Amino acid sequence: MNTNDIIRDFITGDILHDSLKSPLKDEDLLVESGIIDSLGIMTLLSFIEENFSIQIPSEELMPENFASISTISGLIERQKKN
């Protein structure tokens, strides 16, 4: 399973509790469209740090890094390289 799939599964299953009517796409705007809120981002952040064994520095906690599954995946990949 790739990073995007792991993130998608977590958001749909643990944050949204499978309440979406259509599948979540990599480029769907998560916060802007109301799919996740600030509490959802914090839950997602904890999952990312635990699941991928990385620490997201505070300077990376910007809305644009959590805009979509693709941007979150990019953030994870950058942190894995550090």
PDB file of N, CA and C in Angstrom:
ATOM      1  N   MET A   1       0.854  -1.173   0.000  1.00  0.00           N
ATOM      2  CA  MET A   1       0.000   0.000   0.000  1.00  0.00           C
ATOM      3  C   MET A   1       0.905   1.243   0.000  1.00  0.00           C
ATOM      4  N   ASN A   2       0.621   2.210  -0.885  1.00  0.00           N
ATOM      5  CA  ASN A   2       1.460   3.405  -0.929  1.00  0.00           C
ATOM      6  C   ASN A   2       0.986   4.444   0.090  1.00  0.00           C
ATOM      7  N   THR A   3       1.774   5.503   0.235  1.00  0.00           N
ATOM      8  CA  THR A   3       1.492   6.540   1.227  1.00  0.00           C
ATOM      9  C   THR A   3       0.112   7.157   1.028  1.00  0.00           C
ATOM     10  N   ASN A   4      -0.234   7.476  -0.208  1.00  0.00           N
ATOM     11  CA  ASN A   4      -1.554   8.070  -0.469  1.00  0.00           C
ATOM     12  C   ASN A   4      -2.681   7.156   0.000  1.00  0.00           C
ATOM     13  N   ASP A   5      -2.557   5.861  -0.274  1.00  0.00           N
ATOM     14  CA  ASP A   5      -3.598   4.911   0.131  1.00  0.00           C
ATOM     15  C   ASP A   5      -3.704   4.811   1.650  1.00  0.00           C
ATOM     16  N   ILE A   6      -2.571   4.830   2.330  1.00  0.00           N
ATOM     17  CA  ILE A   6      -2.565   4.757   3.798  1.00  0.00           C
ATOM     18  C   ILE A   6      -3.273   5.982   4.381  1.00  0.00           C
ATOM     19  N   ILE A   7      -2.947   7.151   3.859  1.00  0.00           N
ATOM     20  CA  ILE A   7      -3.572   8.394   4.333  1.00  0.00           C
ATOM     21  C   ILE A   7      -5.072   8.374   4.037  1.00  0.00           C
ATOM     22  N   ARG A   8      -5.440   8.007   2.810  1.00  0.00           N
ATOM     23  CA  ARG A   8      -6.853   7.950   2.418  1.00  0.00           C
ATOM     24  C   ARG A   8      -7.635   7.012   3.327  1.00  0.00           C
ATOM     25  N   ASP A   9      -7.095   5.820   3.568  1.00  0.00           N
ATOM     26  CA  ASP A   9      -7.773   4.848   4.423  1.00  0.00           C
ATOM     27  C   ASP A   9      -7.968   5.382   5.834  1.00  0.00           C
ATOM     28  N   PHE A  10      -6.948   6.066   6.357  1.00  0.00           N
ATOM     29  CA  PHE A  10      -7.069   6.613   7.710  1.00  0.00           C
ATOM     30  C   PHE A  10      -8.132   7.708   7.764  1.00  0.00           C
ATOM     31  N   ILE A  11      -8.086   8.631   6.811  1.00  0.00           N
ATOM     32  CA  ILE A  11      -9.061   9.732   6.809  1.00  0.00           C
ATOM     33  C   ILE A  11     -10.474   9.197   6.668  1.00  0.00           C
ATOM     34  N   THR A  12     -10.702   8.312   5.718  1.00  0.00           N
ATOM     35  CA  THR A  12     -12.069   7.824   5.504  1.00  0.00           C
ATOM     36  C   THR A  12     -12.538   6.930   6.652  1.00  0.00           C
ATOM     37  N   GLY A  13     -11.678   6.104   7.184  1.00  0.00           N
ATOM     38  CA  GLY A  13     -12.087   5.170   8.228  1.00  0.00           C
ATOM     39  C   GLY A  13     -12.090   5.734   9.626  1.00  0.00           C
ATOM     40  N   ASP A  14     -11.022   6.451  10.009  1.00  0.00           N
ATOM     41  CA  ASP A  14     -10.871   6.892  11.396  1.00  0.00           C
ATOM     42  C   ASP A  14     -11.375   8.306  11.671  1.00  0.00           C
ATOM     43  N   ILE A  15     -11.260   9.175  10.686  1.00  0.00           N
ATOM     44  CA  ILE A  15     -11.717  10.550  10.896  1.00  0.00           C
ATOM     45  C   ILE A  15     -13.170  10.711  10.446  1.00  0.00           C
ATOM     46  N   LEU A  16     -13.478  10.185   9.269  1.00  0.00           N
ATOM     47  CA  LEU A  16     -14.829  10.342   8.722  1.00  0.00           C
ATOM     48  C   LEU A  16     -15.746   9.166   9.031  1.00  0.00           C
ATOM     49  N   HIS A  17     -15.188   8.104   9.575  1.00  0.00           N
ATOM     50  CA  HIS A  17     -15.953   6.904   9.917  1.00  0.00           C
ATOM     51  C   HIS A  17     -16.796   6.409   8.739  1.00  0.00           C
ATOM     52  N   ASP A  18     -16.150   6.402   7.557  1.00  0.00           N
ATOM     53  CA  ASP A  18     -16.754   5.903   6.325  1.00  0.00           C
ATOM     54  C   ASP A  18     -18.047   6.626   5.945  1.00  0.00           C
ATOM     55  N   SER A  19     -18.139   7.922   6.259  1.00  0.00           N
ATOM     56  CA  SER A  19     -19.372   8.669   5.962  1.00  0.00           C
ATOM     57  C   SER A  19     -19.372   9.362   4.603  1.00  0.00           C
ATOM     58  N   LEU A  20     -18.277   9.286   3.858  1.00  0.00           N
ATOM     59  CA  LEU A  20     -18.249   9.909   2.522  1.00  0.00           C
ATOM     60  C   LEU A  20     -19.108   9.126   1.547  1.00  0.00           C
ATOM     61  N   LYS A  21     -19.792   9.850   0.693  1.00  0.00           N
ATOM     62  CA  LYS A  21     -20.652   9.194  -0.292  1.00  0.00           C
ATOM     63  C   LYS A  21     -19.886   8.813  -1.552  1.00  0.00           C
ATOM     64  N   SER A  22     -18.774   9.521  -1.839  1.00  0.00           N
ATOM     65  CA  SER A  22     -17.945   9.185  -3.001  1.00  0.00           C
ATOM     66  C   SER A  22     -16.498   9.018  -2.535  1.00  0.00           C
ATOM     67  N   PRO A  23     -15.711   8.265  -3.286  1.00  0.00           N
ATOM     68  CA  PRO A  23     -14.324   8.018  -2.887  1.00  0.00           C
ATOM     69  C   PRO A  23     -13.512   9.309  -2.803  1.00  0.00           C
ATOM     70  N   LEU A  24     -12.619   9.353  -1.867  1.00  0.00           N
ATOM     71  CA  LEU A  24     -11.734  10.492  -1.666  1.00  0.00           C
ATOM     72  C   LEU A  24     -10.585  10.408  -2.662  1.00  0.00           C
ATOM     73  N   LYS A  25     -10.396  11.468  -3.439  1.00  0.00           N
ATOM     74  CA  LYS A  25      -9.333  11.492  -4.452  1.00  0.00           C
ATOM     75  C   LYS A  25      -8.091  12.190  -3.898  1.00  0.00           C
ATOM     76  N   ASP A  26      -6.948  11.926  -4.510  1.00  0.00           N
ATOM     77  CA  ASP A  26      -5.676  12.483  -4.048  1.00  0.00           C
ATOM     78  C   ASP A  26      -5.657  14.003  -4.036  1.00  0.00           C
ATOM     79  N   GLU A  27      -6.382  14.639  -4.941  1.00  0.00           N
ATOM     80  CA  GLU A  27      -6.347  16.094  -5.058  1.00  0.00           C
ATOM     81  C   GLU A  27      -7.544  16.794  -4.419  1.00  0.00           C
ATOM     82  N   ASP A  28      -8.461  16.054  -3.796  1.00  0.00           N
ATOM     83  CA  ASP A  28      -9.594  16.685  -3.120  1.00  0.00           C
ATOM     84  C   ASP A  28      -9.081  17.615  -2.022  1.00  0.00           C
ATOM     85  N   LEU A  29      -9.647  18.810  -1.943  1.00  0.00           N
ATOM     86  CA  LEU A  29      -9.245  19.775  -0.921  1.00  0.00           C
ATOM     87  C   LEU A  29      -9.911  19.396   0.396  1.00  0.00           C
ATOM     88  N   LEU A  30      -9.112  18.960   1.341  1.00  0.00           N
ATOM     89  CA  LEU A  30      -9.625  18.378   2.582  1.00  0.00           C
ATOM     90  C   LEU A  30     -10.214  19.413   3.533  1.00  0.00           C
ATOM     91  N   VAL A  31      -9.467  20.463   3.822  1.00  0.00           N
ATOM     92  CA  VAL A  31      -9.940  21.473   4.769  1.00  0.00           C
ATOM     93  C   VAL A  31     -10.920  22.424   4.085  1.00  0.00           C
ATOM     94  N   GLU A  32     -10.545  22.907   2.910  1.00  0.00           N
ATOM     95  CA  GLU A  32     -11.383  23.860   2.174  1.00  0.00           C
ATOM     96  C   GLU A  32     -12.786  23.336   1.918  1.00  0.00           C
ATOM     97  N   SER A  33     -12.900  22.050   1.645  1.00  0.00           N
ATOM     98  CA  SER A  33     -14.212  21.478   1.345  1.00  0.00           C
ATOM     99  C   SER A  33     -14.919  20.952   2.596  1.00  0.00           C
ATOM    100  N   GLY A  34     -14.275  21.081   3.747  1.00  0.00           N
ATOM    101  CA  GLY A  34     -14.901  20.651   4.997  1.00  0.00           C
ATOM    102  C   GLY A  34     -14.802  19.157   5.268  1.00  0.00           C
ATOM    103  N   ILE A  35     -13.955  18.457   4.529  1.00  0.00           N
ATOM    104  CA  ILE A  35     -13.797  17.021   4.746  1.00  0.00           C
ATOM    105  C   ILE A  35     -13.154  16.767   6.109  1.00  0.00           C
ATOM    106  N   ILE A  36     -12.129  17.566   6.439  1.00  0.00           N
ATOM    107  CA  ILE A  36     -11.549  17.485   7.786  1.00  0.00           C
ATOM    108  C   ILE A  36     -11.438  18.894   8.364  1.00  0.00           C
ATOM    109  N   ASP A  37     -11.455  18.974   9.691  1.00  0.00           N
ATOM    110  CA  ASP A  37     -11.325  20.247  10.391  1.00  0.00           C
ATOM    111  C   ASP A  37     -10.023  20.247  11.189  1.00  0.00           C
ATOM    112  N   SER A  38      -9.837  21.238  12.045  1.00  0.00           N
ATOM    113  CA  SER A  38      -8.581  21.349  12.793  1.00  0.00           C
ATOM    114  C   SER A  38      -8.363  20.150  13.717  1.00  0.00           C
ATOM    115  N   LEU A  39      -9.414  19.642  14.311  1.00  0.00           N
ATOM    116  CA  LEU A  39      -9.282  18.451  15.151  1.00  0.00           C
ATOM    117  C   LEU A  39      -8.878  17.247  14.300  1.00  0.00           C
ATOM    118  N   GLY A  40      -9.444  17.152  13.112  1.00  0.00           N
ATOM    119  CA  GLY A  40      -9.078  16.080  12.194  1.00  0.00           C
ATOM    120  C   GLY A  40      -7.621  16.166  11.782  1.00  0.00           C
ATOM    121  N   ILE A  41      -7.123  17.385  11.588  1.00  0.00           N
ATOM    122  CA  ILE A  41      -5.711  17.555  11.235  1.00  0.00           C
ATOM    123  C   ILE A  41      -4.823  17.094  12.380  1.00  0.00           C
ATOM    124  N   MET A  42      -5.186  17.422  13.598  1.00  0.00           N
ATOM    125  CA  MET A  42      -4.379  16.989  14.751  1.00  0.00           C
ATOM    126  C   MET A  42      -4.398  15.466  14.890  1.00  0.00           C
ATOM    127  N   THR A  43      -5.547  14.855  14.651  1.00  0.00           N
ATOM    128  CA  THR A  43      -5.655  13.402  14.684  1.00  0.00           C
ATOM    129  C   THR A  43      -4.799  12.790  13.584  1.00  0.00           C
ATOM    130  N   LEU A  44      -4.865  13.374  12.399  1.00  0.00           N
ATOM    131  CA  LEU A  44      -4.072  12.920  11.267  1.00  0.00           C
ATOM    132  C   LEU A  44      -2.585  13.092  11.544  1.00  0.00           C
ATOM    133  N   LEU A  45      -2.200  14.200  12.137  1.00  0.00           N
ATOM    134  CA  LEU A  45      -0.800  14.454  12.471  1.00  0.00           C
ATOM    135  C   LEU A  45      -0.257  13.383  13.416  1.00  0.00           C
ATOM    136  N   SER A  46      -1.008  13.048  14.435  1.00  0.00           N
ATOM    137  CA  SER A  46      -0.594  11.987  15.369  1.00  0.00           C
ATOM    138  C   SER A  46      -0.431  10.663  14.644  1.00  0.00           C
ATOM    139  N   PHE A  47      -1.380  10.347  13.773  1.00  0.00           N
ATOM    140  CA  PHE A  47      -1.301   9.107  13.000  1.00  0.00           C
ATOM    141  C   PHE A  47      -0.055   9.097  12.123  1.00  0.00           C
ATOM    142  N   ILE A  48       0.203  10.187  11.423  1.00  0.00           N
ATOM    143  CA  ILE A  48       1.362  10.268  10.534  1.00  0.00           C
ATOM    144  C   ILE A  48       2.655  10.057  11.313  1.00  0.00           C
ATOM    145  N   GLU A  49       2.804  10.773  12.413  1.00  0.00           N
ATOM    146  CA  GLU A  49       4.038  10.669  13.189  1.00  0.00           C
ATOM    147  C   GLU A  49       4.244   9.262  13.738  1.00  0.00           C
ATOM    148  N   GLU A  50       3.166   8.645  14.165  1.00  0.00           N
ATOM    149  CA  GLU A  50       3.245   7.284  14.696  1.00  0.00           C
ATOM    150  C   GLU A  50       3.466   6.247  13.592  1.00  0.00           C
ATOM    151  N   ASN A  51       2.665   6.316  12.558  1.00  0.00           N
ATOM    152  CA  ASN A  51       2.674   5.305  11.508  1.00  0.00           C
ATOM    153  C   ASN A  51       3.931   5.356  10.641  1.00  0.00           C
ATOM    154  N   PHE A  52       4.439   6.568  10.391  1.00  0.00           N
ATOM    155  CA  PHE A  52       5.601   6.717   9.511  1.00  0.00           C
ATOM    156  C   PHE A  52       6.896   6.952  10.286  1.00  0.00           C
ATOM    157  N   SER A  53       6.817   6.943  11.624  1.00  0.00           N
ATOM    158  CA  SER A  53       7.986   7.133  12.495  1.00  0.00           C
ATOM    159  C   SER A  53       8.773   8.390  12.136  1.00  0.00           C
ATOM    160  N   ILE A  54       8.047   9.510  12.009  1.00  0.00           N
ATOM    161  CA  ILE A  54       8.672  10.795  11.726  1.00  0.00           C
ATOM    162  C   ILE A  54       8.103  11.834  12.681  1.00  0.00           C
ATOM    163  N   GLN A  55       8.802  12.946  12.809  1.00  0.00           N
ATOM    164  CA  GLN A  55       8.312  14.100  13.559  1.00  0.00           C
ATOM    165  C   GLN A  55       8.097  15.216  12.549  1.00  0.00           C
ATOM    166  N   ILE A  56       6.933  15.815  12.559  1.00  0.00           N
ATOM    167  CA  ILE A  56       6.657  16.946  11.688  1.00  0.00           C
ATOM    168  C   ILE A  56       7.036  18.209  12.467  1.00  0.00           C
ATOM    169  N   PRO A  57       8.048  18.949  11.998  1.00  0.00           N
ATOM    170  CA  PRO A  57       8.453  20.168  12.706  1.00  0.00           C
ATOM    171  C   PRO A  57       7.353  21.230  12.660  1.00  0.00           C
ATOM    172  N   SER A  58       7.323  22.071  13.661  1.00  0.00           N
ATOM    173  CA  SER A  58       6.260  23.080  13.755  1.00  0.00           C
ATOM    174  C   SER A  58       6.217  23.997  12.542  1.00  0.00           C
ATOM    175  N   GLU A  59       7.363  24.268  11.920  1.00  0.00           N
ATOM    176  CA  GLU A  59       7.360  25.147  10.740  1.00  0.00           C
ATOM    177  C   GLU A  59       6.686  24.495   9.533  1.00  0.00           C
ATOM    178  N   GLU A  60       6.451  23.193   9.576  1.00  0.00           N
ATOM    179  CA  GLU A  60       5.754  22.486   8.489  1.00  0.00           C
ATOM    180  C   GLU A  60       4.251  22.375   8.748  1.00  0.00           C
ATOM    181  N   LEU A  61       3.791  22.834   9.904  1.00  0.00           N
ATOM    182  CA  LEU A  61       2.367  22.745  10.245  1.00  0.00           C
ATOM    183  C   LEU A  61       1.605  23.924   9.643  1.00  0.00           C
ATOM    184  N   MET A  62       1.585  23.945   8.320  1.00  0.00           N
ATOM    185  CA  MET A  62       0.905  24.996   7.565  1.00  0.00           C
ATOM    186  C   MET A  62      -0.275  24.372   6.823  1.00  0.00           C
ATOM    187  N   PRO A  63      -1.355  25.125   6.669  1.00  0.00           N
ATOM    188  CA  PRO A  63      -2.535  24.576   5.982  1.00  0.00           C
ATOM    189  C   PRO A  63      -2.227  23.990   4.614  1.00  0.00           C
ATOM    190  N   GLU A  64      -1.333  24.617   3.873  1.00  0.00           N
ATOM    191  CA  GLU A  64      -1.047  24.120   2.529  1.00  0.00           C
ATOM    192  C   GLU A  64      -0.407  22.731   2.533  1.00  0.00           C
ATOM    193  N   ASN A  65       0.245  22.333   3.622  1.00  0.00           N
ATOM    194  CA  ASN A  65       0.822  20.990   3.716  1.00  0.00           C
ATOM    195  C   ASN A  65      -0.230  19.923   3.989  1.00  0.00           C
ATOM    196  N   PHE A  66      -1.437  20.347   4.379  1.00  0.00           N
ATOM    197  CA  PHE A  66      -2.519  19.415   4.695  1.00  0.00           C
ATOM    198  C   PHE A  66      -3.729  19.648   3.781  1.00  0.00           C
ATOM    199  N   ALA A  67      -3.490  20.289   2.641  1.00  0.00           N
ATOM    200  CA  ALA A  67      -4.579  20.656   1.732  1.00  0.00           C
ATOM    201  C   ALA A  67      -5.230  19.449   1.065  1.00  0.00           C
ATOM    202  N   SER A  68      -4.430  18.435   0.734  1.00  0.00           N
ATOM    203  CA  SER A  68      -4.949  17.259   0.026  1.00  0.00           C
ATOM    204  C   SER A  68      -4.115  16.034   0.409  1.00  0.00           C
ATOM    205  N   ILE A  69      -4.561  14.890  -0.009  1.00  0.00           N
ATOM    206  CA  ILE A  69      -3.801  13.668   0.231  1.00  0.00           C
ATOM    207  C   ILE A  69      -2.426  13.769  -0.423  1.00  0.00           C
ATOM    208  N   SER A  70      -2.364  14.343  -1.602  1.00  0.00           N
ATOM    209  CA  SER A  70      -1.086  14.492  -2.309  1.00  0.00           C
ATOM    210  C   SER A  70      -0.115  15.392  -1.552  1.00  0.00           C
ATOM    211  N   THR A  71      -0.595  16.518  -1.020  1.00  0.00           N
ATOM    212  CA  THR A  71       0.309  17.408  -0.296  1.00  0.00           C
ATOM    213  C   THR A  71       0.754  16.791   1.023  1.00  0.00           C
ATOM    214  N   ILE A  72      -0.109  16.047   1.671  1.00  0.00           N
ATOM    215  CA  ILE A  72       0.261  15.356   2.910  1.00  0.00           C
ATOM    216  C   ILE A  72       1.319  14.296   2.616  1.00  0.00           C
ATOM    217  N   SER A  73       1.129  13.573   1.541  1.00  0.00           N
ATOM    218  CA  SER A  73       2.087  12.553   1.132  1.00  0.00           C
ATOM    219  C   SER A  73       3.453  13.184   0.837  1.00  0.00           C
ATOM    220  N   GLY A  74       3.450  14.338   0.179  1.00  0.00           N
ATOM    221  CA  GLY A  74       4.693  15.052  -0.097  1.00  0.00           C
ATOM    222  C   GLY A  74       5.401  15.474   1.173  1.00  0.00           C
ATOM    223  N   LEU A  75       4.631  15.944   2.149  1.00  0.00           N
ATOM    224  CA  LEU A  75       5.182  16.316   3.451  1.00  0.00           C
ATOM    225  C   LEU A  75       5.843  15.117   4.119  1.00  0.00           C
ATOM    226  N   ILE A  76       5.181  13.990   4.093  1.00  0.00           N
ATOM    227  CA  ILE A  76       5.724  12.763   4.694  1.00  0.00           C
ATOM    228  C   ILE A  76       7.032  12.366   4.008  1.00  0.00           C
ATOM    229  N   GLU A  77       7.018  12.381   2.696  1.00  0.00           N
ATOM    230  CA  GLU A  77       8.225  11.985   1.946  1.00  0.00           C
ATOM    231  C   GLU A  77       9.395  12.921   2.244  1.00  0.00           C
ATOM    232  N   ARG A  78       9.141  14.220   2.355  1.00  0.00           N
ATOM    233  CA  ARG A  78      10.209  15.172   2.691  1.00  0.00           C
ATOM    234  C   ARG A  78      10.778  14.877   4.072  1.00  0.00           C
ATOM    235  N   GLN A  79       9.907  14.571   5.023  1.00  0.00           N
ATOM    236  CA  GLN A  79      10.356  14.332   6.391  1.00  0.00           C
ATOM    237  C   GLN A  79      11.109  13.002   6.513  1.00  0.00           C
ATOM    238  N   LYS A  80      10.743  12.043   5.708  1.00  0.00           N
ATOM    239  CA  LYS A  80      11.434  10.742   5.732  1.00  0.00           C
ATOM    240  C   LYS A  80      12.871  10.886   5.240  1.00  0.00           C
ATOM    241  N   LYS A  81      13.112  11.857   4.376  1.00  0.00           N
ATOM    242  CA  LYS A  81      14.457  12.083   3.832  1.00  0.00           C
ATOM    243  C   LYS A  81      15.356  12.799   4.830  1.00  0.00           C
ATOM    244  N   ASN A  82      14.754  13.505   5.778  1.00  0.00           N
ATOM    245  CA  ASN A  82      15.545  14.269   6.769  1.00  0.00           C
ATOM    246  C   ASN A  82      16.070  13.395   7.867  1.00  0.00           C
TER     247      ASN A  82
END
